[in-house]
Protein backbone atom coordinates (compact mmCIF):
# COMPACT_ATOMS: atom_id res chain seq x y z
CA MET A 1 24.20 -8.12 -12.52
CA THR A 2 25.71 -4.59 -11.88
CA ASP A 3 25.73 -3.51 -15.51
CA MET A 4 21.91 -3.84 -15.86
CA GLU A 5 19.97 -1.04 -16.47
CA PRO A 6 17.91 0.52 -13.76
CA ILE A 7 14.21 -0.04 -13.80
CA THR A 8 11.65 2.53 -12.86
CA VAL A 9 8.96 1.82 -10.20
CA GLU A 10 6.39 4.01 -8.42
CA ILE A 11 5.52 4.42 -4.70
CA ALA A 12 2.27 5.51 -4.06
CA TYR A 13 0.56 6.90 -0.77
CA ALA A 14 -2.58 8.49 0.06
CA LEU A 15 -4.30 9.90 3.01
CA PRO A 16 -8.22 11.24 2.84
CA ASP A 17 -6.90 14.91 1.95
CA ARG A 18 -3.71 14.38 0.10
CA GLN A 19 -1.61 11.62 -1.97
CA LYS A 20 1.79 11.21 -3.47
CA ILE A 21 3.57 9.30 -6.20
CA ILE A 22 6.85 8.86 -6.37
CA GLU A 23 9.23 7.66 -9.34
CA VAL A 24 12.26 5.77 -8.37
CA LEU A 25 15.14 4.21 -10.11
CA VAL A 26 15.92 1.09 -8.78
CA GLU A 27 18.41 -1.57 -9.91
CA PRO A 28 17.01 -5.21 -10.90
CA GLY A 29 16.28 -7.48 -8.23
CA THR A 30 15.32 -4.65 -5.48
CA THR A 31 12.38 -5.48 -3.16
CA ALA A 32 9.09 -3.31 -2.81
CA TYR A 33 10.37 -2.75 0.84
CA VAL A 34 13.84 -1.48 -0.32
CA ALA A 35 12.25 0.63 -3.08
CA VAL A 36 9.75 2.14 -0.43
CA CYS A 37 12.91 3.53 1.51
CA LYS A 38 14.83 4.71 -1.41
CA SER A 39 11.60 6.91 -2.37
CA LYS A 40 11.96 8.71 0.98
CA ILE A 41 8.22 9.02 1.37
CA THR A 42 8.18 9.76 5.14
CA ASP A 43 9.75 13.05 4.25
CA PHE A 44 6.35 13.77 3.10
CA PHE A 45 4.11 11.85 5.54
CA PRO A 46 6.40 12.04 8.62
CA GLY A 47 3.66 9.79 10.53
CA LEU A 48 4.34 6.67 8.01
CA ASP A 49 5.57 3.60 9.53
CA ILE A 50 6.94 1.60 6.84
CA GLU A 51 7.83 -1.15 9.26
CA THR A 52 4.56 -2.05 10.03
CA ALA A 53 2.23 -0.62 6.95
CA LYS A 54 1.01 -3.24 4.38
CA PHE A 55 1.99 -2.81 0.93
CA GLY A 56 0.53 -4.07 -2.51
CA ILE A 57 1.52 -4.06 -6.02
CA PHE A 58 -1.60 -2.58 -8.28
CA GLY A 59 -4.23 -3.57 -5.26
CA GLN A 60 -2.66 -6.87 -4.74
CA ALA A 61 -1.78 -6.96 -1.22
CA LEU A 62 2.22 -8.25 -0.76
CA GLY A 63 2.58 -11.08 1.96
CA ASN A 64 -0.67 -12.92 1.65
CA LYS A 65 -2.59 -15.33 -1.12
CA GLY A 66 0.82 -16.62 -2.45
CA THR A 67 2.52 -13.44 -2.92
CA LYS A 68 5.80 -12.71 -1.29
CA ALA A 69 6.44 -10.65 1.85
CA PRO A 70 7.36 -6.74 0.85
CA LYS A 71 11.13 -7.66 1.94
CA GLU A 72 11.15 -10.59 -0.56
CA HIS A 73 8.89 -9.52 -3.46
CA VAL A 74 11.34 -8.23 -6.25
CA LEU A 75 9.87 -5.51 -8.38
CA HIS A 76 9.59 -5.39 -12.11
CA ALA A 77 9.85 -2.22 -14.44
CA GLY A 78 6.55 -0.40 -13.97
CA ASP A 79 5.27 -1.64 -10.77
CA ARG A 80 3.66 0.82 -8.49
CA VAL A 81 4.10 -0.24 -4.71
CA GLU A 82 0.85 0.88 -2.83
CA ILE A 83 1.49 1.66 0.72
CA TYR A 84 -1.94 0.74 2.66
CA ARG A 85 -3.25 2.76 5.68
CA PRO A 86 -4.61 0.68 8.69
CA LEU A 87 -8.03 0.04 8.82
CA ILE A 88 -10.29 2.51 11.01
CA ALA A 89 -12.91 0.13 11.64
CA ASP A 90 -13.75 -3.50 11.14
CA PRO A 91 -15.42 -3.66 7.57
CA LYS A 92 -17.78 -6.69 9.14
CA ALA A 93 -18.75 -4.36 12.05
CA ALA A 94 -19.34 -1.50 9.91
CA ARG A 95 -21.51 -3.28 7.50
CA LYS A 96 -23.62 -4.88 10.41
CA LYS A 97 -23.92 -1.44 12.16
CA ARG A 98 -25.15 0.25 8.77
CA ALA A 99 -27.87 -2.91 8.50
CA GLU A 100 -28.85 -2.53 11.69
CA LYS A 101 -29.64 1.34 11.35
CA ALA A 102 -31.26 0.84 7.92
CA GLN A 103 -33.24 -1.86 9.60
CA ALA A 104 -34.34 0.59 12.72
CA GLN A 105 -35.51 3.16 10.38
CA ALA A 106 -37.36 0.71 8.13
CA GLN A 107 -39.41 -0.15 11.31
CA SER A 108 -39.93 3.33 13.10
CA LYS A 109 -41.86 4.41 9.45
């Protein structure tokens, strides 16, 4: 397997005000986690904790719904590993709050 050509993958992370996509050459058989480590993306985002961050490949979260965890998911040429930020608010609670606000505004008219 050592005489196989390296593959190119991308590592992507975004904050509300900036983003970074890094191309990385990795050996075939490299996992998503190892590719993220190799990208050194934390040099650009020092507050990013890759040990606790959630990863995905083209919008499909790793580690649930039948996908392997980042430390087990083997990448293919052209894959883009996305590093997700933690949610600030629970989506269900935020929707409920918006609905209550809209209902209160409708009643006050």
